[in-house]
Protein backbone atom coordinates (compact mmCIF):
# COMPACT_ATOMS: atom_id res chain seq x y z
CA MET A 1 -15.69 -19.91 -6.15
CA PHE A 2 -19.26 -18.94 -5.31
CA ASP A 3 -22.57 -20.57 -6.16
CA GLN A 4 -24.88 -19.00 -8.72
CA ASN A 5 -26.65 -17.18 -5.93
CA VAL A 6 -24.77 -14.55 -3.94
CA THR A 7 -23.21 -16.74 -1.26
CA VAL A 8 -20.37 -16.45 1.14
CA PRO A 9 -18.43 -19.42 2.53
CA GLY A 10 -18.05 -20.13 6.20
CA PRO A 11 -20.32 -20.10 9.24
CA ASN A 12 -23.64 -18.23 9.09
CA ARG A 13 -23.69 -18.99 5.36
CA GLN A 14 -26.45 -17.03 3.66
CA SER A 15 -27.53 -16.45 0.10
CA PHE A 16 -29.33 -13.85 -1.92
CA ASP A 17 -31.13 -14.94 -5.03
CA GLY A 18 -29.58 -13.41 -8.14
CA GLU A 19 -32.84 -13.28 -10.11
CA GLU A 20 -34.59 -11.42 -7.34
CA GLY A 21 -31.63 -9.06 -7.23
CA ALA A 22 -31.95 -8.38 -10.94
CA THR A 23 -35.65 -7.58 -10.54
CA GLY A 24 -35.03 -5.45 -7.48
CA GLY A 25 -32.30 -3.64 -9.38
CA ARG A 26 -35.07 -1.80 -11.27
CA ARG A 27 -35.47 0.39 -8.19
CA PHE A 28 -32.56 2.57 -7.14
CA SER A 29 -33.50 2.21 -3.47
CA PHE A 30 -33.75 -1.60 -3.57
CA TRP A 31 -30.52 -2.22 -1.63
CA LEU A 32 -31.28 0.61 0.80
CA ASP A 33 -34.68 -0.93 1.56
CA LEU A 34 -32.97 -4.22 2.41
CA ALA A 35 -30.34 -2.52 4.57
CA SER A 36 -33.02 -0.73 6.62
CA ALA A 37 -35.55 -3.60 6.72
CA ASP A 38 -37.14 -4.43 10.08
CA GLY A 39 -36.88 -7.87 11.64
CA SER A 40 -34.31 -10.23 13.09
CA TRP A 41 -34.05 -12.30 9.88
CA ILE A 42 -31.34 -9.99 8.55
CA THR A 43 -28.02 -9.82 10.39
CA THR A 44 -25.80 -6.79 10.87
CA GLU A 45 -23.30 -8.27 8.40
CA TRP A 46 -25.90 -8.38 5.65
CA ARG A 47 -27.24 -4.92 6.48
CA VAL A 48 -23.71 -3.58 5.92
CA PHE A 49 -23.47 -5.62 2.68
CA TYR A 50 -26.75 -4.16 1.34
CA ALA A 51 -25.63 -0.66 2.35
CA PHE A 52 -22.44 -1.14 0.33
CA LYS A 53 -24.49 -2.35 -2.66
CA PHE A 54 -26.63 0.79 -2.46
CA VAL A 55 -23.56 3.04 -2.34
CA GLN A 56 -22.06 1.20 -5.33
CA THR A 57 -25.03 2.08 -7.55
CA PHE A 58 -23.71 5.65 -7.75
CA TYR A 59 -20.10 5.13 -6.55
CA TYR A 60 -18.97 3.24 -9.68
CA PRO A 61 -20.62 5.59 -12.21
CA ILE A 62 -19.02 8.56 -10.44
CA LEU A 63 -15.67 6.74 -10.42
CA ALA A 64 -15.95 6.19 -14.17
CA ILE A 65 -17.01 9.78 -14.86
CA ILE A 66 -13.99 11.06 -12.91
CA GLY A 67 -11.49 8.31 -13.71
CA VAL A 68 -11.60 8.39 -17.52
CA PRO A 69 -11.00 12.14 -18.07
CA VAL A 70 -8.56 12.38 -15.14
CA ASN A 71 -6.31 9.63 -16.49
CA LEU A 72 -6.57 10.98 -20.06
CA LEU A 73 -5.62 14.43 -18.79
CA THR A 74 -2.69 12.96 -16.86
CA ILE A 75 -1.41 11.19 -19.99
CA VAL A 76 -1.67 14.42 -22.04
CA ILE A 77 0.10 16.55 -19.42
CA LEU A 78 2.92 14.07 -18.80
CA ALA A 79 3.41 13.35 -22.52
CA LYS A 80 4.11 17.05 -23.16
CA GLY A 81 7.24 16.71 -21.01
CA LYS A 82 6.81 20.06 -19.25
CA CYS A 83 6.63 18.76 -15.68
CA GLY A 84 10.34 18.89 -14.91
CA LEU A 85 10.61 15.10 -14.83
CA SER A 86 13.13 13.00 -16.74
CA LYS A 87 11.96 11.10 -19.83
CA CYS A 88 12.50 7.87 -17.91
CA ILE A 89 10.20 8.86 -15.04
CA THR A 90 7.69 10.33 -17.47
CA GLY A 91 7.56 7.04 -19.39
CA TYR A 92 6.72 5.08 -16.26
CA LEU A 93 4.08 7.57 -15.10
CA VAL A 94 2.40 7.68 -18.54
CA ALA A 95 2.31 3.86 -18.61
CA MET A 96 0.77 3.79 -15.12
CA ALA A 97 -1.92 6.30 -16.16
CA ALA A 98 -2.68 4.33 -19.34
CA ALA A 99 -3.00 1.07 -17.37
CA ASP A 100 -5.28 2.77 -14.82
CA LEU A 101 -7.44 4.05 -17.68
CA LEU A 102 -7.77 0.52 -19.07
CA VAL A 103 -8.76 -0.79 -15.62
CA ILE A 104 -11.43 1.91 -15.35
CA VAL A 105 -12.85 0.87 -18.73
CA LEU A 106 -12.56 -2.92 -18.33
CA ASP A 107 -13.39 -3.21 -14.63
CA VAL A 108 -15.50 -0.22 -13.55
CA ILE A 109 -17.43 0.42 -16.79
CA TRP A 110 -17.56 -3.09 -18.29
CA ARG A 111 -17.85 -5.10 -15.07
CA GLN A 112 -18.87 -3.23 -11.90
CA ILE A 113 -21.48 -0.89 -13.39
CA PRO A 114 -23.30 -3.79 -15.17
CA VAL A 115 -23.24 -5.73 -11.88
CA THR A 116 -24.86 -2.85 -9.95
CA HIS A 117 -27.31 -2.01 -12.77
CA VAL A 118 -28.22 -5.52 -13.90
CA VAL A 119 -31.38 -4.76 -15.86
CA ALA A 120 -29.78 -2.07 -18.04
CA PHE A 121 -26.93 -4.44 -18.96
CA ASN A 122 -28.89 -7.68 -19.19
CA PHE A 123 -27.71 -8.08 -22.81
CA LEU A 124 -24.27 -9.10 -21.50
CA LEU A 125 -25.74 -12.39 -20.30
CA SER A 126 -26.00 -13.48 -23.94
CA ALA A 127 -22.53 -12.19 -24.94
CA PRO A 128 -20.05 -15.12 -25.05
CA THR A 129 -17.02 -12.93 -24.28
CA CYS A 130 -16.56 -13.17 -20.52
CA ASN A 131 -13.35 -15.24 -20.56
CA VAL A 132 -11.76 -12.86 -23.10
CA HIS A 133 -12.90 -9.93 -20.96
CA ALA A 134 -11.32 -11.60 -17.92
CA VAL A 135 -7.94 -11.99 -19.63
CA LEU A 136 -7.93 -8.32 -20.70
CA LEU A 137 -9.13 -7.09 -17.30
CA TYR A 138 -6.64 -9.09 -15.22
CA ALA A 139 -3.77 -8.28 -17.61
CA ALA A 140 -4.57 -4.55 -17.37
CA THR A 141 -4.73 -4.84 -13.58
CA ASP A 142 -1.39 -6.68 -13.48
CA CYS A 143 0.16 -4.01 -15.69
CA SER A 144 -1.17 -1.26 -13.40
CA VAL A 145 0.37 -2.97 -10.37
CA TRP A 146 3.69 -3.98 -11.92
CA TYR A 147 4.22 -0.62 -13.62
CA THR A 148 4.12 0.83 -10.10
CA ILE A 149 6.75 -1.70 -9.04
CA THR A 150 9.01 -0.96 -12.01
CA PHE A 151 8.76 2.77 -11.22
CA THR A 152 9.71 2.06 -7.59
CA ILE A 153 12.66 -0.08 -8.71
CA ASP A 154 13.82 2.66 -11.09
CA ARG A 155 13.74 5.26 -8.30
CA TYR A 156 15.56 2.87 -5.95
CA VAL A 157 18.32 2.36 -8.53
CA ALA A 158 18.58 6.09 -9.25
CA ILE A 159 18.84 7.00 -5.56
CA CYS A 160 20.70 4.05 -4.02
CA CYS A 161 22.74 2.54 -6.88
CA PRO A 162 24.51 5.40 -8.72
CA TRP A 163 26.79 2.95 -10.55
CA LEU A 164 23.70 1.48 -12.27
CA LYS A 165 21.86 4.74 -12.82
CA LEU A 166 23.21 5.52 -16.30
CA LYS A 167 22.59 1.98 -17.56
CA TYR A 168 19.17 1.38 -15.99
CA SER A 169 17.46 4.74 -15.36
CA ASN A 170 17.04 5.86 -18.96
CA GLN A 171 14.23 6.06 -21.50
CA LYS A 172 15.36 3.05 -23.56
CA THR A 173 15.55 0.72 -20.57
CA ALA A 174 12.19 1.98 -19.31
CA GLY A 175 10.61 1.09 -22.68
CA VAL A 176 12.10 -2.42 -22.61
CA VAL A 177 11.00 -2.99 -19.00
CA LEU A 178 7.44 -1.79 -19.64
CA ALA A 179 7.12 -3.89 -22.82
CA THR A 180 8.40 -6.98 -20.96
CA VAL A 181 5.96 -6.45 -18.07
CA THR A 182 3.07 -6.05 -20.53
CA ALA A 183 3.94 -9.24 -22.44
CA LEU A 184 4.41 -11.29 -19.25
CA SER A 185 1.12 -10.00 -17.82
CA PHE A 186 -0.88 -11.16 -20.86
CA LEU A 187 0.98 -14.48 -20.89
CA LYS A 188 0.30 -15.05 -17.18
CA ASP A 189 -3.38 -14.12 -17.41
CA ALA A 190 -4.09 -16.27 -20.47
CA THR A 191 -4.86 -19.07 -17.96
CA TRP A 192 -8.12 -17.30 -17.06
CA TYR A 193 -9.39 -17.99 -20.58
CA PHE A 194 -9.34 -21.73 -19.84
CA MET A 195 -10.59 -21.42 -16.24
CA PHE A 196 -13.67 -19.41 -17.23
CA THR A 197 -16.41 -19.93 -19.78
CA GLY A 198 -17.69 -17.19 -22.08
CA ARG A 199 -20.84 -16.62 -19.96
CA TYR A 200 -21.18 -13.61 -17.64
CA ARG A 201 -22.60 -13.98 -14.12
CA LEU A 202 -23.12 -10.25 -13.48
CA MET A 203 -22.28 -10.68 -9.81
CA ASN A 204 -19.72 -8.73 -7.81
CA GLU A 205 -17.39 -11.59 -6.94
CA PRO A 206 -13.73 -12.39 -7.59
CA TRP A 207 -15.00 -14.69 -10.38
CA PHE A 208 -17.46 -12.75 -12.53
CA CYS A 209 -17.73 -15.46 -15.23
CA TYR A 210 -19.12 -18.98 -14.96
CA VAL A 211 -16.20 -21.32 -14.42
CA ALA A 212 -15.28 -24.25 -16.64
CA GLU A 213 -16.30 -27.72 -15.45
CA GLY A 214 -14.08 -29.11 -12.72
CA VAL A 215 -12.36 -25.81 -11.91
CA GLN A 216 -14.22 -24.58 -8.83
CA TYR A 217 -13.01 -27.23 -6.37
CA SER A 218 -9.92 -28.36 -8.28
CA ARG A 219 -6.71 -28.20 -6.27
CA ALA A 220 -4.67 -27.82 -9.45
CA TRP A 221 -6.63 -24.82 -10.70
CA GLY A 222 -6.88 -23.56 -7.11
CA THR A 223 -3.09 -23.58 -6.92
CA ILE A 224 -2.88 -21.63 -10.18
CA GLU A 225 -5.33 -19.04 -8.87
CA PHE A 226 -3.46 -18.83 -5.56
CA LEU A 227 -0.22 -18.18 -7.46
CA GLN A 228 -2.05 -15.49 -9.46
CA ASN A 229 -2.90 -13.73 -6.19
CA VAL A 230 0.65 -14.16 -4.90
CA LEU A 231 2.10 -12.63 -8.08
CA THR A 232 -0.44 -9.79 -8.05
CA PRO A 233 -0.45 -8.16 -5.60
CA GLY A 234 1.36 -10.37 -3.03
CA ILE A 235 4.92 -10.07 -4.33
CA PRO A 236 4.46 -6.37 -5.24
CA PHE A 237 3.50 -5.68 -1.60
CA VAL A 238 6.75 -7.26 -0.38
CA LEU A 239 8.88 -5.54 -3.04
CA ILE A 240 7.42 -2.10 -2.34
CA LEU A 241 7.95 -2.40 1.41
CA LEU A 242 11.49 -3.74 0.94
CA LEU A 243 12.55 -1.14 -1.64
CA ASN A 244 11.11 1.73 0.38
CA ALA A 245 12.84 0.51 3.54
CA LEU A 246 16.20 0.23 1.72
CA THR A 247 15.71 3.65 0.16
CA VAL A 248 14.96 5.27 3.54
CA ARG A 249 18.05 3.62 5.04
CA HIS A 250 20.25 4.85 2.18
CA ILE A 251 18.86 8.38 2.41
CA LEU A 252 19.43 8.62 6.16
CA VAL A 253 23.03 7.41 5.82
CA SER A 254 23.87 9.66 2.84
CA SER A 255 22.18 12.69 4.44
CA ARG A 256 24.31 12.34 7.57
CA ALA A 257 27.43 12.00 5.43
CA ARG A 258 26.57 15.12 3.38
CA ARG A 259 25.92 17.16 6.52
CA ARG A 260 29.29 16.14 7.99
CA LEU A 261 31.04 16.93 4.71
CA ARG A 262 29.40 20.35 4.38
CA ALA A 263 30.18 21.13 8.03
CA HIS A 264 33.89 20.35 7.50
CA SER A 265 34.01 22.43 4.31
CA GLY A 266 33.15 25.75 5.92
CA GLY A 267 29.76 25.77 7.55
CA GLU A 268 26.36 24.44 6.63
CA SER A 269 24.36 26.21 3.96
CA PRO A 270 20.65 26.67 4.65
CA ARG A 271 19.84 25.04 1.30
CA ASP A 272 21.13 21.81 -0.25
CA PRO A 273 19.87 21.55 -3.87
CA GLU A 274 20.88 17.89 -4.14
CA LEU A 275 18.92 16.89 -1.04
CA GLU A 276 15.92 18.97 -2.14
CA SER A 277 15.89 17.25 -5.53
CA ARG A 278 16.09 13.84 -3.89
CA LYS A 279 13.34 14.79 -1.48
CA LYS A 280 10.88 15.49 -4.32
CA CYS A 281 11.57 12.12 -6.00
CA ILE A 282 11.39 10.29 -2.67
CA VAL A 283 8.09 11.90 -1.65
CA LEU A 284 6.56 10.95 -5.02
CA MET A 285 7.78 7.35 -4.72
CA PHE A 286 6.65 6.95 -1.11
CA VAL A 287 3.19 8.43 -1.64
CA ILE A 288 2.53 6.26 -4.72
CA SER A 289 3.72 3.17 -2.81
CA ALA A 290 1.63 3.96 0.28
CA ASN A 291 -1.42 4.63 -1.88
CA PHE A 292 -1.02 1.23 -3.57
CA ILE A 293 -0.59 -0.70 -0.31
CA LEU A 294 -3.49 0.98 1.51
CA LEU A 295 -6.01 0.63 -1.32
CA TRP A 296 -5.09 -2.92 -2.35
CA SER A 297 -4.72 -4.58 1.08
CA VAL A 298 -8.37 -5.46 1.73
CA PHE A 299 -8.96 -7.04 -1.69
CA MET A 300 -5.74 -9.08 -1.57
CA VAL A 301 -6.45 -10.50 1.89
CA PHE A 302 -10.02 -11.44 0.99
CA SER A 303 -9.11 -13.07 -2.34
CA ILE A 304 -6.46 -15.32 -0.77
CA TRP A 305 -8.68 -16.18 2.21
CA ASN A 306 -11.65 -16.99 -0.04
CA ARG A 307 -9.74 -19.43 -2.27
CA MET A 308 -8.10 -21.11 0.76
CA TRP A 309 -11.54 -21.58 2.34
CA TYR A 310 -12.86 -23.37 -0.73
CA LEU A 311 -9.84 -25.65 -0.71
CA GLY A 312 -10.67 -26.67 2.85
CA TYR A 313 -8.30 -24.42 4.82
CA GLU A 314 -10.93 -22.79 7.01
CA SER A 315 -9.78 -19.93 9.21
CA VAL A 316 -11.22 -16.72 10.62
CA TYR A 317 -14.52 -15.88 8.95
CA MET A 318 -14.64 -12.69 6.89
CA GLY A 319 -17.97 -11.02 6.17
CA VAL A 320 -19.35 -10.64 2.65
CA PHE A 321 -19.09 -6.85 2.84
CA VAL A 322 -15.28 -7.10 3.08
CA LEU A 323 -15.14 -8.07 -0.60
CA GLU A 324 -17.32 -5.09 -1.57
CA LEU A 325 -15.05 -2.74 0.37
CA GLY A 326 -12.01 -4.37 -1.26
CA PHE A 327 -13.37 -3.80 -4.78
CA MET A 328 -14.23 -0.17 -4.03
CA LEU A 329 -10.81 0.68 -2.57
CA GLN A 330 -8.85 -1.21 -5.23
CA LEU A 331 -10.62 0.59 -8.08
CA LEU A 332 -10.29 3.95 -6.31
CA SER A 333 -6.51 3.52 -6.67
CA CYS A 334 -6.93 4.00 -10.45
CA CYS A 335 -8.04 7.60 -9.90
CA THR A 336 -5.69 8.79 -7.15
CA ASN A 337 -2.32 9.12 -8.90
CA THR A 338 -3.31 12.39 -10.59
CA ALA A 339 -4.10 13.89 -7.18
CA ILE A 340 -0.74 12.59 -5.91
CA TYR A 341 1.14 14.26 -8.78
CA ALA A 342 -0.79 17.51 -8.25
CA VAL A 343 0.09 17.57 -4.54
CA THR A 344 3.75 16.53 -4.81
CA GLN A 345 4.84 18.03 -8.18
CA THR A 346 4.64 21.81 -8.55
CA MET A 347 5.15 21.87 -12.33
CA PHE A 348 2.53 19.16 -12.89
CA ARG A 349 0.11 21.22 -10.80
CA GLU A 350 0.77 24.28 -12.98
CA GLN A 351 0.26 22.25 -16.17
CA LEU A 352 -2.97 20.80 -14.75
CA LYS A 353 -4.30 24.29 -14.03
CA GLU A 354 -3.37 25.35 -17.55
CA GLN A 355 -5.18 22.39 -19.12
CA LEU A 356 -8.29 22.98 -17.01
CA LYS A 357 -8.35 26.65 -18.01
CA TYR A 358 -7.79 25.87 -21.70
CA PRO A 359 -11.45 25.25 -22.78
CA PHE A 360 -12.66 28.34 -20.90
CA THR A 361 -9.90 30.46 -22.45
CA LYS A 362 -10.88 29.29 -25.94
CA MET A 363 -14.56 29.88 -25.18
CA THR A 364 -13.85 33.43 -23.97
CA LYS A 365 -11.84 34.17 -27.13
CA PHE A 366 -14.66 32.79 -29.26
CA ILE A 367 -17.25 34.97 -27.50
CA HIS A 368 -15.07 38.07 -28.00
CA TRP A 369 -14.65 37.13 -31.67
CA CYS A 370 -18.43 36.78 -32.09
CA ARG A 371 -19.00 40.15 -30.43
CA GLY A 372 -16.44 41.67 -32.78
CA LEU A 373 -18.45 40.48 -35.77
CA THR A 374 -21.64 42.15 -34.52
CA HIS A 375 -19.99 45.58 -34.19
């Protein structure tokens, strides 16, 4: 997709030599120096790009430091089953957290951090594992996305299709659905093994491996990659918007009907437990869906535009920094679900507080025990 140097297709095509970047990477302020350099030789677009590269040198390590423990903590809390959620919902949320954890490891730690700290991870250039890494990374990403879709479908069925609820919204069905999604994701992403070689490029591009001969400008492989982008996250975008719209419509209609029924049966009670229960599930579903759409949009648009450009379908030019922003937002989505649960689910919030207090409680007890021995 890109040349060996950092290049961007389209008008005002520029490049940045990868070897020089690796050398410059020895200094933390290298990208900041470029972003603030004097002279007309550097455009505003590239100043923004270099500024993003500087931010990424600490953004990705911080994301990894936060993302790994946060997702592990989420898995532990949800797995205990004390959050007031059904086993079906819990299964989906645990799977989503596990997939996000894998993305943090395979993408942030194993891909993005080596790209932004080239010299420290130069040994990867001699590791012939890039195509295997690509399959694992893209499969984990697909699982993260499609687990979100399966959760949305489950909530849609539970809220809008009561005749299917008992058959579909249960723990057994959730297990079958998640296993099927996982298997299909690995099967779909096996194509990357043949599109890529085992050599790393250590560049922050949609393709982070050297491609196999004849792939870069091949319409056949280009079509396969385009379909990959359509399947993840193109179709999920459409499904989430459609399912949320249908759910909102159903809720509005049923809420009006319940109000009329309660009014005819002797006045309207200030509280409706059924509506309150639905409201909690709906808020959780909507916030997770909105989070996915907002944080994935930039990366999806750029990936499709970039492949279309290389196939000769030139359109509006998008700056190189758009890809950097897309990567940063997409990977941020792997760390936000815990915050969403904490805001929308009271019992999860209480369990989170309890888990955070746990090491300090044990430490305090240990200190008191030690003091007791000295007296």
